[in-house]
């Protein structure tokens, strides 16, 4: 197996792991890299977007309806 093939295999492993929910720090340990480096290379593959994450967190926090409307207005205005 050539060095290039090993490199491709490493990227394939990382891609499959992240797209199937393996935590970033776990993947970093598996491939012998720092979590920051893995994040820089593979952030675009993480399964949730900022908007989805914001919605998930918002669902966990009880807020008054007026506050929720104001927050939604701010998100729309900022393009989130």
Protein backbone atom coordinates (compact mmCIF):
# COMPACT_ATOMS: atom_id res chain seq x y z
CA UNK A 1 0.00 0.00 0.00
CA UNK A 2 1.39 3.40 -0.92
CA UNK A 3 1.66 6.40 1.40
CA UNK A 4 -0.99 8.17 -0.66
CA UNK A 5 -3.38 5.27 -0.16
CA UNK A 6 -2.86 5.38 3.61
CA UNK A 7 -3.56 9.11 3.62
CA UNK A 8 -6.79 8.59 1.67
CA UNK A 9 -7.78 5.79 4.04
CA UNK A 10 -7.20 8.11 7.03
CA UNK A 11 -9.45 10.79 5.50
CA UNK A 12 -12.09 8.21 4.64
CA UNK A 13 -12.03 6.90 8.22
CA UNK A 14 -12.38 10.42 9.63
CA UNK A 15 -15.19 11.32 7.24
CA UNK A 16 -17.19 8.18 7.98
CA UNK A 17 -16.66 8.54 11.72
CA UNK A 18 -17.80 12.17 11.90
CA UNK A 19 -20.78 11.74 9.60
CA UNK A 20 -21.95 8.85 11.76
CA UNK A 21 -21.79 10.71 15.06
CA UNK A 22 -18.39 9.79 16.49
CA UNK A 23 -17.43 12.63 18.86
CA UNK A 24 -14.65 14.88 17.61
CA UNK A 25 -12.32 14.19 20.55
CA UNK A 26 -12.74 10.44 20.11
CA UNK A 27 -11.89 10.63 16.42
CA UNK A 28 -8.87 12.84 17.14
CA UNK A 29 -7.51 10.24 19.56
CA UNK A 30 -8.15 7.42 17.07
CA UNK A 31 -6.25 9.10 14.26
CA UNK A 32 -3.51 10.52 16.49
CA UNK A 33 -4.29 14.18 15.98
CA UNK A 34 -5.41 17.16 18.04
CA UNK A 35 -9.13 17.91 18.18
CA UNK A 36 -8.43 21.44 16.90
CA UNK A 37 -6.71 20.09 13.80
CA UNK A 38 -9.47 17.58 13.13
CA UNK A 39 -12.07 20.33 13.54
CA UNK A 40 -10.20 22.60 11.11
CA UNK A 41 -10.08 19.85 8.48
CA UNK A 42 -13.50 18.28 8.91
CA UNK A 43 -15.85 20.91 10.38
CA UNK A 44 -17.87 20.98 7.16
CA UNK A 45 -18.78 17.33 7.75
CA UNK A 46 -20.25 17.73 11.21
CA UNK A 47 -23.86 16.59 11.12
CA UNK A 48 -25.61 19.66 12.51
CA UNK A 49 -25.57 23.25 11.41
CA UNK A 50 -25.47 26.26 13.70
CA UNK A 51 -29.18 26.84 13.12
CA UNK A 52 -30.08 23.25 14.04
CA UNK A 53 -27.95 23.45 17.18
CA UNK A 54 -29.55 26.76 18.19
CA UNK A 55 -33.00 25.24 17.75
CA UNK A 56 -32.08 22.19 19.85
CA UNK A 57 -30.75 24.37 22.67
CA UNK A 58 -33.71 26.73 22.46
CA UNK A 59 -36.08 23.79 22.85
CA UNK A 60 -34.41 22.96 26.17
CA UNK A 61 -34.72 26.45 27.65
CA UNK A 62 -38.14 27.64 28.78
CA UNK A 63 -38.64 31.30 27.85
CA UNK A 64 -41.54 33.70 27.68
CA UNK A 65 -43.21 33.97 24.30
CA UNK A 66 -42.24 37.65 23.91
CA UNK A 67 -38.58 36.82 24.53
CA UNK A 68 -38.77 33.93 22.06
CA UNK A 69 -40.26 36.21 19.37
CA UNK A 70 -37.53 38.81 19.97
CA UNK A 71 -34.80 36.14 19.76
CA UNK A 72 -36.29 34.76 16.54
CA UNK A 73 -36.38 38.26 15.06
CA UNK A 74 -32.69 38.74 15.92
CA UNK A 75 -31.77 35.40 14.33
CA UNK A 76 -33.64 36.23 11.13
CA UNK A 77 -32.07 39.70 10.98
CA UNK A 78 -28.58 38.28 11.39
CA UNK A 79 -29.16 35.63 8.72
CA UNK A 80 -28.87 32.67 11.11
